Amino acid sequence: MKLSTWLVKCTVGVMLSQLVNYAVVGEEHWTFTCINQGTDVTSDSSATNVKCKSSGSTEEDAKSAAFCHRPNNKVPDNDFTDIGCGKCPEESHNTTTCLSCSAWNTTTSTDNSNCNVWEPPIFTYNCYHGDVSVLCDNGTAVRRGDIHCWGLTHTYQHNNPDKISGGCGTCEEALTADPAQSWDLEDCSTCNFDNCNSATDAFSGLLTVFVVFWLHVLL
């Protein structure tokens, strides 16, 4: 037998062997869904379901490999915001900032798609008390909508330089806590993000400060 003929036969034999092995071993896929947060990481307003796919040598293995992940939003000021298919990515480093869940319940053999239910993030925040930035609520983390600072208007501050010009909470809360205050609600404004009641910039250019704050949170 010529060498060329032998090589052809050997090549064909190897190819057939590989095809047989592939047919025997193969790869199974299983399709499931996970929640994807979309562009808004501070609420569930942009949440959608996305299709995911896991693989394994058998259907059971493929289902066992199906996971979703989400931020651990019980951690204050968590800068990990990714949510979607698969286990926690490497950049989350550990289970402190990210949580994974199985999209297939191996105990009950039922579909557990969308197991990565989104939770609102929580934050610690500061407000200015006079000229000093202070930690509010003794450092207890709150949801985005519960962040409030109060501050007196520039006009009132100018006419009453001896008065404390702001603090944590709303104007109503501040006035209720100290009814003897010489100012009225019309002399006060409430803002809703970290250190928003700065004495030097109180209630001017709030949109710029808001954008800077959220860029700090998300980056």
Protein backbone atom coordinates (compact mmCIF):
# COMPACT_ATOMS: atom_id res chain seq x y z
CA MET A 1 0.00 0.00 0.00
CA LYS A 2 1.34 3.37 -0.98
CA LEU A 3 2.07 5.84 1.77
CA SER A 4 -0.36 8.40 0.32
CA THR A 5 -3.21 5.89 0.31
CA TRP A 6 -2.41 4.85 3.87
CA LEU A 7 -2.40 8.46 5.04
CA VAL A 8 -5.79 9.06 3.42
CA LYS A 9 -7.26 6.00 5.09
CA CYS A 10 -5.80 6.97 8.46
CA THR A 11 -7.17 10.50 8.16
CA VAL A 12 -10.61 9.24 7.25
CA GLY A 13 -10.46 6.80 10.14
CA VAL A 14 -9.56 9.51 12.62
CA MET A 15 -12.36 11.75 11.34
CA LEU A 16 -14.90 8.96 11.63
CA SER A 17 -13.67 8.17 15.12
CA GLN A 18 -14.07 11.81 16.16
CA LEU A 19 -17.56 11.94 14.69
CA VAL A 20 -18.56 8.83 16.60
CA ASN A 21 -17.13 10.24 19.83
CA TYR A 22 -18.96 13.51 19.29
CA ALA A 23 -22.20 11.68 18.63
CA VAL A 24 -21.75 9.66 21.82
CA VAL A 25 -20.57 12.46 24.08
CA GLY A 26 -22.30 15.42 22.41
CA GLU A 27 -23.36 18.54 24.30
CA GLU A 28 -26.76 19.35 25.70
CA HIS A 29 -28.10 22.88 26.08
CA TRP A 30 -30.82 24.27 28.32
CA THR A 31 -32.48 27.65 27.85
CA PHE A 32 -33.71 29.69 30.79
CA THR A 33 -34.22 33.35 31.70
CA CYS A 34 -32.66 35.76 34.17
CA ILE A 35 -33.60 39.28 35.16
CA ASN A 36 -31.58 42.02 33.52
CA GLN A 37 -31.78 45.44 35.14
CA GLY A 38 -31.35 47.56 32.04
CA THR A 39 -30.06 51.12 32.25
CA ASP A 40 -31.64 52.14 35.56
CA VAL A 41 -29.69 50.55 38.42
CA THR A 42 -31.55 52.47 41.12
CA SER A 43 -35.03 51.01 40.52
CA ASP A 44 -36.78 48.17 38.70
CA SER A 45 -38.28 50.49 36.08
CA SER A 46 -36.06 49.16 33.29
CA ALA A 47 -35.91 45.50 34.38
CA THR A 48 -36.44 42.88 31.67
CA ASN A 49 -36.12 39.11 31.30
CA VAL A 50 -33.28 37.93 29.08
CA LYS A 51 -32.74 34.49 27.57
CA CYS A 52 -29.72 32.54 28.83
CA LYS A 53 -28.22 29.18 27.84
CA SER A 54 -26.23 26.65 29.80
CA SER A 55 -24.42 23.55 28.51
CA GLY A 56 -23.42 20.12 29.74
CA SER A 57 -22.73 16.58 28.61
CA THR A 58 -26.31 15.69 29.59
CA GLU A 59 -29.49 17.68 29.99
CA GLU A 60 -29.21 17.27 33.75
CA ASP A 61 -25.68 18.67 33.70
CA ALA A 62 -26.80 21.56 31.53
CA LYS A 63 -29.58 22.44 33.96
CA SER A 64 -27.21 22.14 36.92
CA ALA A 65 -24.95 24.70 35.22
CA ALA A 66 -27.72 27.29 34.88
CA PHE A 67 -27.22 30.35 37.09
CA CYS A 68 -28.28 33.97 37.40
CA HIS A 69 -26.58 36.71 39.41
CA ARG A 70 -27.41 40.09 40.93
CA PRO A 71 -25.88 42.74 43.20
CA ASN A 72 -26.01 42.07 46.92
CA ASN A 73 -27.94 45.22 47.70
CA LYS A 74 -27.98 44.54 51.41
CA VAL A 75 -24.38 45.81 51.30
CA PRO A 76 -24.35 49.60 51.76
CA ASP A 77 -22.82 51.66 48.95
CA ASN A 78 -22.28 48.58 46.78
CA ASP A 79 -20.57 49.67 43.54
CA PHE A 80 -21.25 46.31 41.85
CA THR A 81 -24.41 46.79 39.76
CA ASP A 82 -24.29 44.01 37.14
CA ILE A 83 -27.28 41.66 36.95
CA GLY A 84 -28.07 38.90 34.46
CA CYS A 85 -27.08 35.43 33.22
CA GLY A 86 -24.47 33.19 34.77
CA LYS A 87 -22.57 33.14 38.04
CA CYS A 88 -21.05 36.26 39.54
CA PRO A 89 -18.32 37.60 37.24
CA GLU A 90 -14.72 37.65 38.39
CA GLU A 91 -14.72 41.41 38.95
CA SER A 92 -17.14 40.97 41.86
CA HIS A 93 -14.22 39.20 43.65
CA ASN A 94 -16.41 37.54 46.28
CA THR A 95 -19.98 36.89 47.39
CA THR A 96 -20.05 40.10 49.42
CA THR A 97 -20.95 42.35 46.51
CA CYS A 98 -22.64 39.79 44.19
CA LEU A 99 -25.02 36.88 44.71
CA SER A 100 -25.57 33.90 42.39
CA CYS A 101 -28.62 31.64 42.32
CA SER A 102 -29.46 28.41 40.50
CA ALA A 103 -31.95 28.74 37.65
CA TRP A 104 -32.84 25.06 38.03
CA ASN A 105 -34.08 23.65 41.33
CA THR A 106 -32.32 20.32 41.58
CA THR A 107 -34.36 19.33 44.65
CA THR A 108 -37.79 19.70 43.06
CA SER A 109 -36.61 19.40 39.43
CA THR A 110 -38.40 22.61 38.51
CA ASP A 111 -37.48 25.70 36.51
CA ASN A 112 -36.20 28.46 38.77
CA SER A 113 -35.70 31.09 36.06
CA ASN A 114 -35.55 34.76 37.12
CA CYS A 115 -34.24 33.76 40.53
CA ASN A 116 -32.06 36.90 40.64
CA VAL A 117 -34.85 39.17 41.88
CA TRP A 118 -33.63 42.77 42.04
CA GLU A 119 -33.55 44.61 45.35
CA PRO A 120 -33.14 48.39 45.71
CA PRO A 121 -29.63 49.49 46.70
CA ILE A 122 -28.97 51.16 50.04
CA PHE A 123 -26.60 54.02 50.80
CA THR A 124 -24.99 55.82 53.67
CA TYR A 125 -25.03 59.58 53.19
CA ASN A 126 -23.88 62.90 54.62
CA CYS A 127 -25.47 66.31 54.98
CA TYR A 128 -23.94 69.63 55.93
CA HIS A 129 -24.60 70.76 59.48
CA GLY A 130 -23.48 74.32 59.20
CA ASP A 131 -20.13 74.14 57.43
CA VAL A 132 -19.38 70.55 58.49
CA SER A 133 -20.39 67.43 56.54
CA VAL A 134 -21.84 64.89 59.00
CA LEU A 135 -22.84 61.24 58.59
CA CYS A 136 -26.62 60.90 58.83
CA ASP A 137 -28.68 58.28 60.69
CA ASN A 138 -25.55 57.14 62.59
CA GLY A 139 -24.33 55.55 59.38
CA THR A 140 -27.46 53.44 58.86
CA ALA A 141 -27.89 52.79 55.15
CA VAL A 142 -31.18 53.84 53.53
CA ARG A 143 -32.80 53.55 50.15
CA ARG A 144 -32.25 56.23 47.55
CA GLY A 145 -35.67 57.80 48.15
CA ASP A 146 -35.00 58.16 51.88
CA ILE A 147 -31.96 60.44 51.52
CA HIS A 148 -32.86 63.97 52.64
CA CYS A 149 -30.91 67.07 53.69
CA TRP A 150 -32.41 70.39 54.71
CA GLY A 151 -30.93 73.84 54.30
CA LEU A 152 -31.97 77.43 54.88
CA THR A 153 -32.21 79.83 51.96
CA HIS A 154 -29.35 82.20 51.17
CA THR A 155 -31.53 85.16 52.10
CA TYR A 156 -32.30 83.77 55.55
CA GLN A 157 -28.68 82.78 56.14
CA HIS A 158 -27.52 86.27 55.17
CA ASN A 159 -29.95 87.88 57.62
CA ASN A 160 -29.31 85.30 60.38
CA PRO A 161 -25.63 84.34 60.21
CA ASP A 162 -25.70 82.89 63.73
CA LYS A 163 -28.21 80.17 62.85
CA ILE A 164 -27.28 76.61 61.91
CA SER A 165 -28.01 76.55 58.20
CA GLY A 166 -28.81 72.88 57.61
CA GLY A 167 -28.66 69.24 58.60
CA CYS A 168 -29.91 65.71 57.98
CA GLY A 169 -33.56 65.03 57.17
CA THR A 170 -36.31 67.23 55.79
CA CYS A 171 -37.27 70.79 56.71
CA GLU A 172 -40.44 69.48 58.33
CA GLU A 173 -38.45 67.02 60.48
CA ALA A 174 -36.00 69.72 61.54
CA LEU A 175 -38.76 72.12 62.53
CA THR A 176 -40.66 69.39 64.39
CA ALA A 177 -37.51 68.42 66.30
CA ASP A 178 -37.00 72.05 67.39
CA PRO A 179 -40.24 74.07 67.25
CA ALA A 180 -38.43 77.05 68.79
CA GLN A 181 -36.55 77.65 65.54
CA SER A 182 -36.92 81.25 64.36
CA TRP A 183 -37.37 80.21 60.74
CA ASP A 184 -40.48 78.98 58.91
CA LEU A 185 -40.83 76.30 56.25
CA GLU A 186 -40.71 78.92 53.50
CA ASP A 187 -37.17 79.77 54.67
CA CYS A 188 -36.04 76.17 54.12
CA SER A 189 -35.60 73.70 51.27
CA THR A 190 -35.14 69.93 51.24
CA CYS A 191 -32.85 68.17 48.77
CA ASN A 192 -32.41 64.46 48.20
CA PHE A 193 -28.82 63.35 47.70
CA ASP A 194 -25.45 63.23 49.43
CA ASN A 195 -24.23 66.59 50.83
CA CYS A 196 -26.73 68.45 48.66
CA ASN A 197 -27.21 71.24 51.24
CA SER A 198 -23.72 72.69 51.01
CA ALA A 199 -23.65 76.13 52.61
CA THR A 200 -21.67 77.56 49.71
CA ASP A 201 -23.86 76.13 46.95
CA ALA A 202 -27.12 75.50 48.75
CA PHE A 203 -29.86 74.69 46.27
CA SER A 204 -28.07 76.17 43.27
CA GLY A 205 -26.84 73.94 40.46
CA LEU A 206 -28.45 70.87 42.03
CA LEU A 207 -28.63 68.99 38.75
CA THR A 208 -24.84 69.13 38.34
CA VAL A 209 -24.28 67.84 41.87
CA PHE A 210 -26.83 65.07 41.32
CA VAL A 211 -25.02 63.85 38.20
CA VAL A 212 -21.64 63.94 39.93
CA PHE A 213 -23.04 61.99 42.89
CA TRP A 214 -24.47 59.20 40.75
CA LEU A 215 -21.35 58.97 38.64
CA HIS A 216 -19.45 58.44 41.91
CA VAL A 217 -21.90 55.69 42.92
CA LEU A 218 -21.87 53.86 39.60
CA LEU A 219 -18.19 54.05 38.64
